[in-house]
Amino acid sequence: MMGSKDARKHQRDLVKTRVIVNDGYPFEGGELYDVSTGGAAVMYPDGATPTSTPLAVGQILFLEFPGLAKMPGRVARTFEGGFATAFDLSILSADR
């Protein structure tokens, strides 16, 4: 059936673990929903959304996987209850 194939560039793995976003601003974090080598989807905690400064497509952010890594990325899309990010390591070199 045409159009039913997932057009994503990287395979996704479902992972459910806590993630911290931008050192806790505009919210502490959420639950990692899925992850690939290219990015991740995050669900807001308890269905909450950041109302004072919502995330915008293209916005730079950092996802921290407690005890593992802190990954730079850009918001790829937002959706009800969360957002998806594309990892972008070039952000690290821009900070130097």
N, C-alpha and C. Protein backbone atom coordinates (compact mmCIF):
# COMPACT_ATOMS: atom_id res chain seq x y z
N MET A 1 0.84 -1.17 0.00
CA MET A 1 0.00 0.00 0.00
C MET A 1 0.88 1.24 0.00
N MET A 2 0.67 2.12 -0.93
CA MET A 2 1.49 3.31 -1.08
C MET A 2 1.28 4.29 0.08
N GLY A 3 2.37 4.85 0.56
CA GLY A 3 2.30 5.83 1.63
C GLY A 3 2.30 5.23 3.03
N SER A 4 2.26 3.91 3.14
CA SER A 4 2.22 3.32 4.47
C SER A 4 3.61 3.07 5.06
N LYS A 5 4.64 3.13 4.25
CA LYS A 5 6.00 2.91 4.74
C LYS A 5 6.49 4.13 5.52
N ASP A 6 7.13 3.88 6.65
CA ASP A 6 7.68 4.96 7.47
C ASP A 6 8.86 5.57 6.73
N ALA A 7 8.78 6.88 6.47
CA ALA A 7 9.81 7.56 5.69
C ALA A 7 10.95 8.10 6.55
N ARG A 8 10.98 7.75 7.82
CA ARG A 8 12.04 8.26 8.69
C ARG A 8 13.39 7.74 8.25
N LYS A 9 14.38 8.58 8.46
CA LYS A 9 15.74 8.26 8.04
C LYS A 9 16.40 7.20 8.92
N HIS A 10 16.07 7.21 10.22
CA HIS A 10 16.70 6.30 11.18
C HIS A 10 15.66 5.45 11.88
N GLN A 11 16.01 4.22 12.18
CA GLN A 11 15.12 3.32 12.92
C GLN A 11 14.88 3.88 14.32
N ARG A 12 13.65 3.82 14.78
CA ARG A 12 13.29 4.27 16.12
C ARG A 12 13.21 3.09 17.06
N ASP A 13 13.64 3.31 18.30
CA ASP A 13 13.50 2.32 19.36
C ASP A 13 12.65 2.95 20.45
N LEU A 14 11.61 2.23 20.87
CA LEU A 14 10.78 2.72 21.96
C LEU A 14 11.53 2.60 23.27
N VAL A 15 11.63 3.71 23.97
CA VAL A 15 12.35 3.77 25.24
C VAL A 15 11.52 4.63 26.18
N LYS A 16 11.31 4.16 27.37
CA LYS A 16 10.57 4.96 28.34
C LYS A 16 11.47 5.22 29.53
N THR A 17 11.99 6.44 29.59
CA THR A 17 12.85 6.84 30.70
C THR A 17 12.74 8.35 30.86
N ARG A 18 13.12 8.84 32.00
CA ARG A 18 13.09 10.27 32.29
C ARG A 18 14.17 11.00 31.50
N VAL A 19 13.84 12.20 31.04
CA VAL A 19 14.81 13.04 30.34
C VAL A 19 14.63 14.47 30.84
N ILE A 20 15.74 15.18 31.00
CA ILE A 20 15.71 16.58 31.42
C ILE A 20 15.94 17.44 30.18
N VAL A 21 15.15 18.49 30.05
CA VAL A 21 15.23 19.37 28.88
C VAL A 21 15.77 20.72 29.30
N ASN A 22 16.80 21.21 28.61
CA ASN A 22 17.36 22.55 28.85
C ASN A 22 17.61 22.86 30.32
N ASP A 23 18.24 21.93 31.01
CA ASP A 23 18.54 22.13 32.43
C ASP A 23 17.30 22.48 33.25
N GLY A 24 16.13 22.01 32.80
CA GLY A 24 14.90 22.22 33.55
C GLY A 24 14.09 23.43 33.15
N TYR A 25 14.45 24.13 32.07
CA TYR A 25 13.70 25.31 31.65
C TYR A 25 13.23 25.10 30.22
N PRO A 26 11.99 25.29 29.85
CA PRO A 26 10.89 25.85 30.60
C PRO A 26 10.18 24.84 31.50
N PHE A 27 10.57 23.59 31.48
CA PHE A 27 10.00 22.62 32.41
C PHE A 27 11.07 21.60 32.73
N GLU A 28 10.89 20.87 33.81
CA GLU A 28 11.91 19.93 34.28
C GLU A 28 12.28 18.90 33.22
N GLY A 29 11.32 18.40 32.54
CA GLY A 29 11.61 17.38 31.54
C GLY A 29 10.39 16.57 31.23
N GLY A 30 10.61 15.37 30.84
CA GLY A 30 9.49 14.53 30.49
C GLY A 30 9.94 13.09 30.40
N GLU A 31 9.21 12.35 29.60
CA GLU A 31 9.53 10.95 29.41
C GLU A 31 9.97 10.75 27.97
N LEU A 32 11.13 10.17 27.82
CA LEU A 32 11.62 9.84 26.49
C LEU A 32 10.68 8.79 25.93
N TYR A 33 10.16 9.03 24.73
CA TYR A 33 9.21 8.10 24.13
C TYR A 33 9.91 7.17 23.15
N ASP A 34 10.64 7.78 22.22
CA ASP A 34 11.44 6.96 21.33
C ASP A 34 12.72 7.69 20.97
N VAL A 35 13.71 6.94 20.50
CA VAL A 35 15.01 7.51 20.20
C VAL A 35 15.62 6.79 19.01
N SER A 36 16.41 7.51 18.24
CA SER A 36 17.17 6.93 17.14
C SER A 36 18.52 7.63 17.10
N THR A 37 19.35 7.27 16.16
CA THR A 37 20.63 7.96 16.06
C THR A 37 20.45 9.41 15.61
N GLY A 38 19.31 9.73 15.04
CA GLY A 38 19.07 11.08 14.53
C GLY A 38 18.28 12.00 15.45
N GLY A 39 17.59 11.44 16.45
CA GLY A 39 16.78 12.30 17.31
C GLY A 39 15.96 11.52 18.30
N ALA A 40 15.01 12.24 18.93
CA ALA A 40 14.19 11.62 19.97
C ALA A 40 12.85 12.32 20.06
N ALA A 41 11.87 11.60 20.57
CA ALA A 41 10.56 12.18 20.88
C ALA A 41 10.40 12.18 22.39
N VAL A 42 9.89 13.27 22.92
CA VAL A 42 9.71 13.43 24.36
C VAL A 42 8.25 13.76 24.64
N MET A 43 7.68 13.09 25.61
CA MET A 43 6.32 13.37 26.06
C MET A 43 6.41 14.23 27.31
N TYR A 44 5.57 15.28 27.39
CA TYR A 44 5.56 16.13 28.57
C TYR A 44 5.09 15.35 29.79
N PRO A 45 5.59 15.71 30.97
CA PRO A 45 5.18 15.00 32.19
C PRO A 45 3.71 15.24 32.49
N ASP A 46 3.00 14.17 32.80
CA ASP A 46 1.59 14.24 33.20
C ASP A 46 0.75 15.06 32.24
N GLY A 47 1.11 15.09 30.95
CA GLY A 47 0.32 15.82 29.97
C GLY A 47 0.47 17.33 30.02
N ALA A 48 1.38 17.83 30.87
CA ALA A 48 1.58 19.28 30.99
C ALA A 48 2.34 19.80 29.78
N THR A 49 2.14 21.07 29.48
CA THR A 49 2.91 21.72 28.42
C THR A 49 3.54 22.99 28.98
N PRO A 50 4.68 23.40 28.44
CA PRO A 50 5.30 24.65 28.90
C PRO A 50 4.51 25.84 28.36
N THR A 51 3.82 26.55 29.22
CA THR A 51 2.95 27.63 28.76
C THR A 51 3.63 28.99 28.70
N SER A 52 4.64 29.22 29.55
CA SER A 52 5.26 30.54 29.56
C SER A 52 6.16 30.74 28.34
N THR A 53 6.88 29.73 27.95
CA THR A 53 7.74 29.82 26.78
C THR A 53 7.69 28.49 26.03
N PRO A 54 6.67 28.29 25.21
CA PRO A 54 6.57 27.01 24.50
C PRO A 54 7.73 26.81 23.54
N LEU A 55 8.04 25.57 23.28
CA LEU A 55 9.10 25.24 22.35
C LEU A 55 8.67 25.58 20.93
N ALA A 56 9.61 26.00 20.11
CA ALA A 56 9.32 26.35 18.72
C ALA A 56 10.18 25.51 17.79
N VAL A 57 9.63 25.17 16.64
CA VAL A 57 10.39 24.40 15.65
C VAL A 57 11.66 25.16 15.30
N GLY A 58 12.79 24.46 15.32
CA GLY A 58 14.09 25.06 15.04
C GLY A 58 14.84 25.52 16.28
N GLN A 59 14.15 25.60 17.41
CA GLN A 59 14.78 26.04 18.66
C GLN A 59 15.86 25.06 19.10
N ILE A 60 17.00 25.59 19.53
CA ILE A 60 18.08 24.78 20.07
C ILE A 60 17.72 24.36 21.48
N LEU A 61 17.99 23.11 21.80
CA LEU A 61 17.78 22.62 23.16
C LEU A 61 18.78 21.52 23.47
N PHE A 62 18.81 21.15 24.73
CA PHE A 62 19.67 20.05 25.18
C PHE A 62 18.81 19.04 25.91
N LEU A 63 18.95 17.78 25.54
CA LEU A 63 18.28 16.69 26.23
C LEU A 63 19.31 15.98 27.08
N GLU A 64 19.03 15.89 28.36
CA GLU A 64 19.95 15.20 29.27
C GLU A 64 19.35 13.87 29.69
N PHE A 65 20.10 12.83 29.43
CA PHE A 65 19.72 11.49 29.84
C PHE A 65 20.51 11.22 31.12
N PRO A 66 19.86 11.38 32.29
CA PRO A 66 20.58 11.31 33.58
C PRO A 66 21.51 10.10 33.69
N GLY A 67 22.77 10.41 34.00
CA GLY A 67 23.77 9.37 34.17
C GLY A 67 24.36 8.86 32.86
N LEU A 68 23.88 9.37 31.73
CA LEU A 68 24.37 8.87 30.43
C LEU A 68 24.99 9.95 29.57
N ALA A 69 24.19 10.91 29.13
CA ALA A 69 24.70 11.90 28.17
C ALA A 69 23.80 13.13 28.16
N LYS A 70 24.33 14.20 27.59
CA LYS A 70 23.57 15.43 27.34
C LYS A 70 23.73 15.72 25.86
N MET A 71 22.62 15.65 25.12
CA MET A 71 22.67 15.76 23.66
C MET A 71 22.09 17.08 23.17
N PRO A 72 22.81 17.79 22.30
CA PRO A 72 22.27 19.01 21.70
C PRO A 72 21.37 18.65 20.53
N GLY A 73 20.38 19.49 20.32
CA GLY A 73 19.49 19.25 19.19
C GLY A 73 18.65 20.47 18.88
N ARG A 74 17.78 20.30 17.91
CA ARG A 74 16.83 21.34 17.51
C ARG A 74 15.44 20.72 17.50
N VAL A 75 14.45 21.50 17.88
CA VAL A 75 13.08 21.01 17.85
C VAL A 75 12.70 20.78 16.39
N ALA A 76 12.35 19.54 16.06
CA ALA A 76 11.96 19.19 14.70
C ALA A 76 10.47 19.39 14.47
N ARG A 77 9.69 19.09 15.50
CA ARG A 77 8.25 19.30 15.43
C ARG A 77 7.67 19.23 16.84
N THR A 78 6.51 19.83 16.99
CA THR A 78 5.78 19.73 18.24
C THR A 78 4.48 18.99 17.95
N PHE A 79 3.95 18.35 18.95
CA PHE A 79 2.68 17.65 18.81
C PHE A 79 1.98 17.68 20.16
N GLU A 80 0.71 17.35 20.17
CA GLU A 80 -0.04 17.39 21.41
C GLU A 80 0.59 16.46 22.44
N GLY A 81 1.04 17.03 23.54
CA GLY A 81 1.63 16.25 24.60
C GLY A 81 3.12 16.06 24.52
N GLY A 82 3.80 16.69 23.53
CA GLY A 82 5.24 16.51 23.46
C GLY A 82 5.88 17.18 22.26
N PHE A 83 7.10 16.74 21.97
CA PHE A 83 7.85 17.30 20.84
C PHE A 83 8.89 16.28 20.37
N ALA A 84 9.39 16.51 19.17
CA ALA A 84 10.46 15.68 18.63
C ALA A 84 11.66 16.58 18.36
N THR A 85 12.84 16.03 18.57
CA THR A 85 14.06 16.79 18.36
C THR A 85 14.99 16.03 17.42
N ALA A 86 15.74 16.77 16.64
CA ALA A 86 16.78 16.20 15.79
C ALA A 86 18.12 16.53 16.46
N PHE A 87 18.90 15.51 16.76
CA PHE A 87 20.21 15.75 17.37
C PHE A 87 21.08 16.54 16.40
N ASP A 88 21.88 17.49 16.93
CA ASP A 88 22.73 18.34 16.09
C ASP A 88 24.01 18.64 16.86
N LEU A 89 25.04 17.82 16.63
CA LEU A 89 26.31 17.99 17.33
C LEU A 89 27.05 19.26 16.93
N SER A 90 26.69 19.87 15.81
CA SER A 90 27.36 21.11 15.39
C SER A 90 27.07 22.25 16.38
N ILE A 91 26.02 22.12 17.16
CA ILE A 91 25.71 23.13 18.18
C ILE A 91 26.84 23.24 19.19
N LEU A 92 27.47 22.12 19.51
CA LEU A 92 28.56 22.13 20.48
C LEU A 92 29.75 22.94 19.97
N SER A 93 30.09 22.80 18.70
CA SER A 93 31.22 23.54 18.15
C SER A 93 30.89 25.03 18.00
N ALA A 94 29.63 25.38 17.85
CA ALA A 94 29.23 26.79 17.74
C ALA A 94 29.38 27.50 19.08
N ASP A 95 29.31 26.75 20.19
CA ASP A 95 29.44 27.34 21.52
C ASP A 95 30.88 27.65 21.89
N ARG A 96 31.82 27.12 21.16
CA ARG A 96 33.23 27.31 21.52
C ARG A 96 33.79 28.61 21.08
